[in-house]
Amino acid sequence: MIMKKKAMILGAVTFLFIGTASFVGCGNSGEKPAQEEAVKTEEVAHDHKHYQCPMDCEEGKVYEAEGSCPVCKMDLKEV
């Protein structure tokens, strides 16, 4: 009886540990490296102006004309 109880506790602890590790390990913090963003804006640097959503809803997408973001409806800002 005591062995069964220990085995159940060990199994539960193992399950919780693996579940927590996979949740934390696979999570995406949502932060982007600053270097990656800088490269995207340098790639589109031309002689004319470009505009981008200040919330970066479309992950670096730029527009050639002023307007509003199609996702969040905020005014695009010049980059």
PDB file of N, CA and C in Angstrom:
ATOM      1  N   MET A   1       0.827  -1.196   0.000  1.00  0.00           N
ATOM      2  CA  MET A   1       0.000   0.000   0.000  1.00  0.00           C
ATOM      3  C   MET A   1       0.873   1.262   0.000  1.00  0.00           C
ATOM      4  N   ILE A   2       1.892   1.259   0.821  1.00  0.00           N
ATOM      5  CA  ILE A   2       2.773   2.433   0.900  1.00  0.00           C
ATOM      6  C   ILE A   2       3.530   2.617  -0.420  1.00  0.00           C
ATOM      7  N   MET A   3       3.926   1.527  -1.057  1.00  0.00           N
ATOM      8  CA  MET A   3       4.636   1.608  -2.336  1.00  0.00           C
ATOM      9  C   MET A   3       3.739   2.198  -3.419  1.00  0.00           C
ATOM     10  N   LYS A   4       2.445   1.826  -3.399  1.00  0.00           N
ATOM     11  CA  LYS A   4       1.503   2.371  -4.372  1.00  0.00           C
ATOM     12  C   LYS A   4       1.367   3.878  -4.203  1.00  0.00           C
ATOM     13  N   LYS A   5       1.282   4.310  -2.951  1.00  0.00           N
ATOM     14  CA  LYS A   5       1.130   5.741  -2.662  1.00  0.00           C
ATOM     15  C   LYS A   5       2.371   6.510  -3.123  1.00  0.00           C
ATOM     16  N   LYS A   6       3.556   5.965  -2.846  1.00  0.00           N
ATOM     17  CA  LYS A   6       4.804   6.614  -3.267  1.00  0.00           C
ATOM     18  C   LYS A   6       4.894   6.677  -4.791  1.00  0.00           C
ATOM     19  N   ALA A   7       4.492   5.610  -5.449  1.00  0.00           N
ATOM     20  CA  ALA A   7       4.538   5.580  -6.907  1.00  0.00           C
ATOM     21  C   ALA A   7       3.580   6.607  -7.499  1.00  0.00           C
ATOM     22  N   MET A   8       2.400   6.746  -6.904  1.00  0.00           N
ATOM     23  CA  MET A   8       1.436   7.732  -7.394  1.00  0.00           C
ATOM     24  C   MET A   8       1.952   9.153  -7.193  1.00  0.00           C
ATOM     25  N   ILE A   9       2.560   9.415  -6.046  1.00  0.00           N
ATOM     26  CA  ILE A   9       3.109  10.748  -5.774  1.00  0.00           C
ATOM     27  C   ILE A   9       4.259  11.043  -6.735  1.00  0.00           C
ATOM     28  N   LEU A  10       5.135  10.057  -6.923  1.00  0.00           N
ATOM     29  CA  LEU A  10       6.259  10.238  -7.850  1.00  0.00           C
ATOM     30  C   LEU A  10       5.752  10.486  -9.273  1.00  0.00           C
ATOM     31  N   GLY A  11       4.732   9.763  -9.681  1.00  0.00           N
ATOM     32  CA  GLY A  11       4.154   9.952 -11.008  1.00  0.00           C
ATOM     33  C   GLY A  11       3.549  11.339 -11.170  1.00  0.00           C
ATOM     34  N   ALA A  12       2.836  11.808 -10.146  1.00  0.00           N
ATOM     35  CA  ALA A  12       2.217  13.132 -10.203  1.00  0.00           C
ATOM     36  C   ALA A  12       3.281  14.225 -10.261  1.00  0.00           C
ATOM     37  N   VAL A  13       4.323  14.088  -9.449  1.00  0.00           N
ATOM     38  CA  VAL A  13       5.403  15.082  -9.449  1.00  0.00           C
ATOM     39  C   VAL A  13       6.106  15.098 -10.806  1.00  0.00           C
ATOM     40  N   THR A  14       6.369  13.929 -11.370  1.00  0.00           N
ATOM     41  CA  THR A  14       7.010  13.837 -12.681  1.00  0.00           C
ATOM     42  C   THR A  14       6.141  14.485 -13.754  1.00  0.00           C
ATOM     43  N   PHE A  15       4.841  14.195 -13.717  1.00  0.00           N
ATOM     44  CA  PHE A  15       3.914  14.773 -14.678  1.00  0.00           C
ATOM     45  C   PHE A  15       3.910  16.302 -14.581  1.00  0.00           C
ATOM     46  N   LEU A  16       3.841  16.822 -13.360  1.00  0.00           N
ATOM     47  CA  LEU A  16       3.843  18.276 -13.169  1.00  0.00           C
ATOM     48  C   LEU A  16       5.153  18.896 -13.642  1.00  0.00           C
ATOM     49  N   PHE A  17       6.266  18.244 -13.351  1.00  0.00           N
ATOM     50  CA  PHE A  17       7.561  18.771 -13.767  1.00  0.00           C
ATOM     51  C   PHE A  17       7.668  18.824 -15.289  1.00  0.00           C
ATOM     52  N   ILE A  18       7.306  17.737 -15.953  1.00  0.00           N
ATOM     53  CA  ILE A  18       7.387  17.697 -17.419  1.00  0.00           C
ATOM     54  C   ILE A  18       6.420  18.696 -18.035  1.00  0.00           C
ATOM     55  N   GLY A  19       5.215  18.796 -17.496  1.00  0.00           N
ATOM     56  CA  GLY A  19       4.233  19.751 -18.004  1.00  0.00           C
ATOM     57  C   GLY A  19       4.710  21.183 -17.868  1.00  0.00           C
ATOM     58  N   THR A  20       5.268  21.515 -16.714  1.00  0.00           N
ATOM     59  CA  THR A  20       5.766  22.865 -16.491  1.00  0.00           C
ATOM     60  C   THR A  20       6.961  23.162 -17.387  1.00  0.00           C
ATOM     61  N   ALA A  21       7.865  22.206 -17.502  1.00  0.00           N
ATOM     62  CA  ALA A  21       9.057  22.413 -18.333  1.00  0.00           C
ATOM     63  C   ALA A  21       8.680  22.620 -19.795  1.00  0.00           C
ATOM     64  N   SER A  22       7.727  21.864 -20.290  1.00  0.00           N
ATOM     65  CA  SER A  22       7.346  22.032 -21.694  1.00  0.00           C
ATOM     66  C   SER A  22       6.604  23.337 -21.914  1.00  0.00           C
ATOM     67  N   PHE A  23       5.812  23.758 -20.939  1.00  0.00           N
ATOM     68  CA  PHE A  23       5.085  25.021 -21.058  1.00  0.00           C
ATOM     69  C   PHE A  23       6.053  26.193 -21.064  1.00  0.00           C
ATOM     70  N   VAL A  24       7.009  26.193 -20.167  1.00  0.00           N
ATOM     71  CA  VAL A  24       7.978  27.290 -20.070  1.00  0.00           C
ATOM     72  C   VAL A  24       8.959  27.241 -21.236  1.00  0.00           C
ATOM     73  N   GLY A  25       9.411  26.063 -21.613  1.00  0.00           N
ATOM     74  CA  GLY A  25      10.405  25.928 -22.669  1.00  0.00           C
ATOM     75  C   GLY A  25       9.886  26.292 -24.045  1.00  0.00           C
ATOM     76  N   CYS A  26       8.621  26.057 -24.295  1.00  0.00           N
ATOM     77  CA  CYS A  26       8.064  26.306 -25.624  1.00  0.00           C
ATOM     78  C   CYS A  26       7.383  27.660 -25.725  1.00  0.00           C
ATOM     79  N   GLY A  27       7.320  28.364 -24.634  1.00  0.00           N
ATOM     80  CA  GLY A  27       6.631  29.657 -24.634  1.00  0.00           C
ATOM     81  C   GLY A  27       7.376  30.689 -25.450  1.00  0.00           C
ATOM     82  N   ASN A  28       6.617  31.607 -26.039  1.00  0.00           N
ATOM     83  CA  ASN A  28       7.190  32.706 -26.796  1.00  0.00           C
ATOM     84  C   ASN A  28       6.932  33.969 -25.994  1.00  0.00           C
ATOM     85  N   SER A  29       7.980  34.643 -25.609  1.00  0.00           N
ATOM     86  CA  SER A  29       7.813  35.818 -24.768  1.00  0.00           C
ATOM     87  C   SER A  29       7.212  36.996 -25.516  1.00  0.00           C
ATOM     88  N   GLY A  30       7.172  36.935 -26.837  1.00  0.00           N
ATOM     89  CA  GLY A  30       6.608  38.018 -27.617  1.00  0.00           C
ATOM     90  C   GLY A  30       7.610  39.131 -27.901  1.00  0.00           C
ATOM     91  N   GLU A  31       8.756  39.066 -27.289  1.00  0.00           N
ATOM     92  CA  GLU A  31       9.768  40.081 -27.528  1.00  0.00           C
ATOM     93  C   GLU A  31      10.575  39.709 -28.762  1.00  0.00           C
ATOM     94  N   LYS A  32      10.899  40.709 -29.534  1.00  0.00           N
ATOM     95  CA  LYS A  32      11.707  40.486 -30.734  1.00  0.00           C
ATOM     96  C   LYS A  32      13.083  41.079 -30.501  1.00  0.00           C
ATOM     97  N   PRO A  33      14.092  40.436 -31.016  1.00  0.00           N
ATOM     98  CA  PRO A  33      15.427  41.024 -30.882  1.00  0.00           C
ATOM     99  C   PRO A  33      15.496  42.368 -31.600  1.00  0.00           C
ATOM    100  N   ALA A  34      16.106  43.331 -30.972  1.00  0.00           N
ATOM    101  CA  ALA A  34      16.212  44.671 -31.552  1.00  0.00           C
ATOM    102  C   ALA A  34      16.975  44.630 -32.865  1.00  0.00           C
ATOM    103  N   GLN A  35      17.938  43.741 -32.952  1.00  0.00           N
ATOM    104  CA  GLN A  35      18.731  43.633 -34.166  1.00  0.00           C
ATOM    105  C   GLN A  35      17.858  43.214 -35.350  1.00  0.00           C
ATOM    106  N   GLU A  36      16.939  42.295 -35.130  1.00  0.00           N
ATOM    107  CA  GLU A  36      16.063  41.824 -36.204  1.00  0.00           C
ATOM    108  C   GLU A  36      15.195  42.954 -36.731  1.00  0.00           C
ATOM    109  N   GLU A  37      14.644  43.774 -35.838  1.00  0.00           N
ATOM    110  CA  GLU A  37      13.812  44.896 -36.261  1.00  0.00           C
ATOM    111  C   GLU A  37      14.628  45.922 -37.026  1.00  0.00           C
ATOM    112  N   ALA A  38      15.853  46.167 -36.593  1.00  0.00           N
ATOM    113  CA  ALA A  38      16.698  47.142 -37.259  1.00  0.00           C
ATOM    114  C   ALA A  38      17.006  46.698 -38.689  1.00  0.00           C
ATOM    115  N   VAL A  39      17.212  45.422 -38.883  1.00  0.00           N
ATOM    116  CA  VAL A  39      17.510  44.910 -40.219  1.00  0.00           C
ATOM    117  C   VAL A  39      16.310  45.119 -41.132  1.00  0.00           C
ATOM    118  N   LYS A  40      15.111  44.864 -40.634  1.00  0.00           N
ATOM    119  CA  LYS A  40      13.915  45.020 -41.461  1.00  0.00           C
ATOM    120  C   LYS A  40      13.732  46.465 -41.900  1.00  0.00           C
ATOM    121  N   THR A  41      13.957  47.418 -41.005  1.00  0.00           N
ATOM    122  CA  THR A  41      13.771  48.814 -41.385  1.00  0.00           C
ATOM    123  C   THR A  41      14.891  49.280 -42.304  1.00  0.00           C
ATOM    124  N   GLU A  42      16.105  48.733 -42.158  1.00  0.00           N
ATOM    125  CA  GLU A  42      17.198  49.097 -43.063  1.00  0.00           C
ATOM    126  C   GLU A  42      16.943  48.558 -44.465  1.00  0.00           C
ATOM    127  N   GLU A  43      16.319  47.403 -44.557  1.00  0.00           N
ATOM    128  CA  GLU A  43      16.051  46.804 -45.858  1.00  0.00           C
ATOM    129  C   GLU A  43      15.132  47.668 -46.706  1.00  0.00           C
ATOM    130  N   VAL A  44      14.232  48.410 -46.089  1.00  0.00           N
ATOM    131  CA  VAL A  44      13.268  49.206 -46.833  1.00  0.00           C
ATOM    132  C   VAL A  44      13.662  50.672 -46.927  1.00  0.00           C
ATOM    133  N   ALA A  45      14.870  51.005 -46.482  1.00  0.00           N
ATOM    134  CA  ALA A  45      15.306  52.397 -46.523  1.00  0.00           C
ATOM    135  C   ALA A  45      15.629  52.790 -47.966  1.00  0.00           C
ATOM    136  N   HIS A  46      14.782  53.631 -48.533  1.00  0.00           N
ATOM    137  CA  HIS A  46      14.965  54.118 -49.899  1.00  0.00           C
ATOM    138  C   HIS A  46      14.858  55.635 -49.887  1.00  0.00           C
ATOM    139  N   ASP A  47      14.673  56.231 -51.051  1.00  0.00           N
ATOM    140  CA  ASP A  47      14.574  57.675 -51.153  1.00  0.00           C
ATOM    141  C   ASP A  47      13.204  58.200 -50.725  1.00  0.00           C
ATOM    142  N   HIS A  48      12.196  57.372 -50.656  1.00  0.00           N
ATOM    143  CA  HIS A  48      10.872  57.835 -50.278  1.00  0.00           C
ATOM    144  C   HIS A  48      10.511  57.354 -48.870  1.00  0.00           C
ATOM    145  N   LYS A  49       9.476  57.939 -48.312  1.00  0.00           N
ATOM    146  CA  LYS A  49       9.087  57.653 -46.932  1.00  0.00           C
ATOM    147  C   LYS A  49       8.327  56.335 -46.837  1.00  0.00           C
ATOM    148  N   HIS A  50       8.469  55.698 -45.673  1.00  0.00           N
ATOM    149  CA  HIS A  50       7.741  54.484 -45.376  1.00  0.00           C
ATOM    150  C   HIS A  50       7.020  54.659 -44.047  1.00  0.00           C
ATOM    151  N   TYR A  51       5.897  53.984 -43.909  1.00  0.00           N
ATOM    152  CA  TYR A  51       5.075  54.092 -42.710  1.00  0.00           C
ATOM    153  C   TYR A  51       4.810  52.703 -42.149  1.00  0.00           C
ATOM    154  N   GLN A  52       4.750  52.654 -40.819  1.00  0.00           N
ATOM    155  CA  GLN A  52       4.561  51.382 -40.135  1.00  0.00           C
ATOM    156  C   GLN A  52       3.672  51.585 -38.920  1.00  0.00           C
ATOM    157  N   CYS A  53       2.944  50.541 -38.538  1.00  0.00           N
ATOM    158  CA  CYS A  53       2.082  50.603 -37.354  1.00  0.00           C
ATOM    159  C   CYS A  53       2.956  50.738 -36.111  1.00  0.00           C
ATOM    160  N   PRO A  54       2.636  51.667 -35.204  1.00  0.00           N
ATOM    161  CA  PRO A  54       3.433  51.813 -33.987  1.00  0.00           C
ATOM    162  C   PRO A  54       3.321  50.591 -33.066  1.00  0.00           C
ATOM    163  N   MET A  55       2.281  49.795 -33.221  1.00  0.00           N
ATOM    164  CA  MET A  55       2.116  48.577 -32.418  1.00  0.00           C
ATOM    165  C   MET A  55       2.761  47.367 -33.095  1.00  0.00           C
ATOM    166  N   ASP A  56       3.262  47.541 -34.321  1.00  0.00           N
ATOM    167  CA  ASP A  56       3.908  46.494 -35.109  1.00  0.00           C
ATOM    168  C   ASP A  56       3.010  45.266 -35.237  1.00  0.00           C
ATOM    169  N   CYS A  57       1.743  45.504 -35.527  1.00  0.00           N
ATOM    170  CA  CYS A  57       0.752  44.430 -35.662  1.00  0.00           C
ATOM    171  C   CYS A  57       1.116  43.422 -36.741  1.00  0.00           C
ATOM    172  N   GLU A  58       1.758  43.900 -37.790  1.00  0.00           N
ATOM    173  CA  GLU A  58       2.061  43.016 -38.921  1.00  0.00           C
ATOM    174  C   GLU A  58       3.547  42.673 -38.991  1.00  0.00           C
ATOM    175  N   GLU A  59       4.219  42.747 -37.843  1.00  0.00           N
ATOM    176  CA  GLU A  59       5.605  42.303 -37.687  1.00  0.00           C
ATOM    177  C   GLU A  59       6.561  42.859 -38.742  1.00  0.00           C
ATOM    178  N   GLY A  60       6.666  44.161 -38.815  1.00  0.00           N
ATOM    179  CA  GLY A  60       7.650  44.790 -39.690  1.00  0.00           C
ATOM    180  C   GLY A  60       7.134  45.228 -41.043  1.00  0.00           C
ATOM    181  N   LYS A  61       5.877  44.974 -41.349  1.00  0.00           N
ATOM    182  CA  LYS A  61       5.336  45.370 -42.647  1.00  0.00           C
ATOM    183  C   LYS A  61       5.289  46.893 -42.728  1.00  0.00           C
ATOM    184  N   VAL A  62       5.691  47.443 -43.861  1.00  0.00           N
ATOM    185  CA  VAL A  62       5.700  48.887 -44.063  1.00  0.00           C
ATOM    186  C   VAL A  62       4.830  49.249 -45.253  1.00  0.00           C
ATOM    187  N   TYR A  63       4.375  50.485 -45.247  1.00  0.00           N
ATOM    188  CA  TYR A  63       3.526  50.998 -46.317  1.00  0.00           C
ATOM    189  C   TYR A  63       4.191  52.236 -46.899  1.00  0.00           C
ATOM    190  N   GLU A  64       3.912  52.532 -48.155  1.00  0.00           N
ATOM    191  CA  GLU A  64       4.502  53.691 -48.815  1.00  0.00           C
ATOM    192  C   GLU A  64       3.640  54.936 -48.675  1.00  0.00           C
ATOM    193  N   ALA A  65       2.440  54.794 -48.161  1.00  0.00           N
ATOM    194  CA  ALA A  65       1.550  55.944 -48.011  1.00  0.00           C
ATOM    195  C   ALA A  65       1.040  56.017 -46.570  1.00  0.00           C
ATOM    196  N   GLU A  66       0.744  57.235 -46.126  1.00  0.00           N
ATOM    197  CA  GLU A  66       0.167  57.403 -44.795  1.00  0.00           C
ATOM    198  C   GLU A  66      -1.219  56.771 -44.758  1.00  0.00           C
ATOM    199  N   GLY A  67      -1.659  56.448 -43.575  1.00  0.00           N
ATOM    200  CA  GLY A  67      -2.989  55.867 -43.425  1.00  0.00           C
ATOM    201  C   GLY A  67      -3.128  55.260 -42.046  1.00  0.00           C
ATOM    202  N   SER A  68      -3.966  54.243 -41.941  1.00  0.00           N
ATOM    203  CA  SER A  68      -4.146  53.574 -40.665  1.00  0.00           C
ATOM    204  C   SER A  68      -3.873  52.085 -40.817  1.00  0.00           C
ATOM    205  N   CYS A  69      -3.501  51.475 -39.719  1.00  0.00           N
ATOM    206  CA  CYS A  69      -3.200  50.049 -39.703  1.00  0.00           C
ATOM    207  C   CYS A  69      -4.490  49.269 -39.956  1.00  0.00           C
ATOM    208  N   PRO A  70      -4.459  48.311 -40.880  1.00  0.00           N
ATOM    209  CA  PRO A  70      -5.673  47.534 -41.146  1.00  0.00           C
ATOM    210  C   PRO A  70      -6.050  46.602 -39.997  1.00  0.00           C
ATOM    211  N   VAL A  71      -5.124  46.332 -39.086  1.00  0.00           N
ATOM    212  CA  VAL A  71      -5.401  45.422 -37.979  1.00  0.00           C
ATOM    213  C   VAL A  71      -5.959  46.170 -36.773  1.00  0.00           C
ATOM    214  N   CYS A  72      -5.214  47.191 -36.282  1.00  0.00           N
ATOM    215  CA  CYS A  72      -5.630  47.874 -35.045  1.00  0.00           C
ATOM    216  C   CYS A  72      -6.206  49.266 -35.293  1.00  0.00           C
ATOM    217  N   LYS A  73      -6.178  49.737 -36.536  1.00  0.00           N
ATOM    218  CA  LYS A  73      -6.748  51.028 -36.947  1.00  0.00           C
ATOM    219  C   LYS A  73      -5.998  52.248 -36.403  1.00  0.00           C
ATOM    220  N   MET A  74      -4.791  52.079 -35.847  1.00  0.00           N
ATOM    221  CA  MET A  74      -3.992  53.219 -35.391  1.00  0.00           C
ATOM    222  C   MET A  74      -3.347  53.890 -36.602  1.00  0.00           C
ATOM    223  N   ASP A  75      -3.032  55.177 -36.475  1.00  0.00           N
ATOM    224  CA  ASP A  75      -2.363  55.906 -37.548  1.00  0.00           C
ATOM    225  C   ASP A  75      -0.950  55.347 -37.726  1.00  0.00           C
ATOM    226  N   LEU A  76      -0.565  55.133 -38.984  1.00  0.00           N
ATOM    227  CA  LEU A  76       0.780  54.657 -39.281  1.00  0.00           C
ATOM    228  C   LEU A  76       1.773  55.786 -38.998  1.00  0.00           C
ATOM    229  N   LYS A  77       2.957  55.416 -38.520  1.00  0.00           N
ATOM    230  CA  LYS A  77       4.017  56.380 -38.215  1.00  0.00           C
ATOM    231  C   LYS A  77       5.158  56.190 -39.203  1.00  0.00           C
ATOM    232  N   GLU A  78       5.830  57.298 -39.527  1.00  0.00           N
ATOM    233  CA  GLU A  78       6.950  57.247 -40.467  1.00  0.00           C
ATOM    234  C   GLU A  78       8.123  56.511 -39.824  1.00  0.00           C
ATOM    235  N   VAL A  79       8.743  55.635 -40.621  1.00  0.00           N
ATOM    236  CA  VAL A  79       9.947  54.918 -40.144  1.00  0.00           C
ATOM    237  C   VAL A  79      11.146  55.329 -40.959  1.00  0.00           C
TER     238      VAL A  79
END
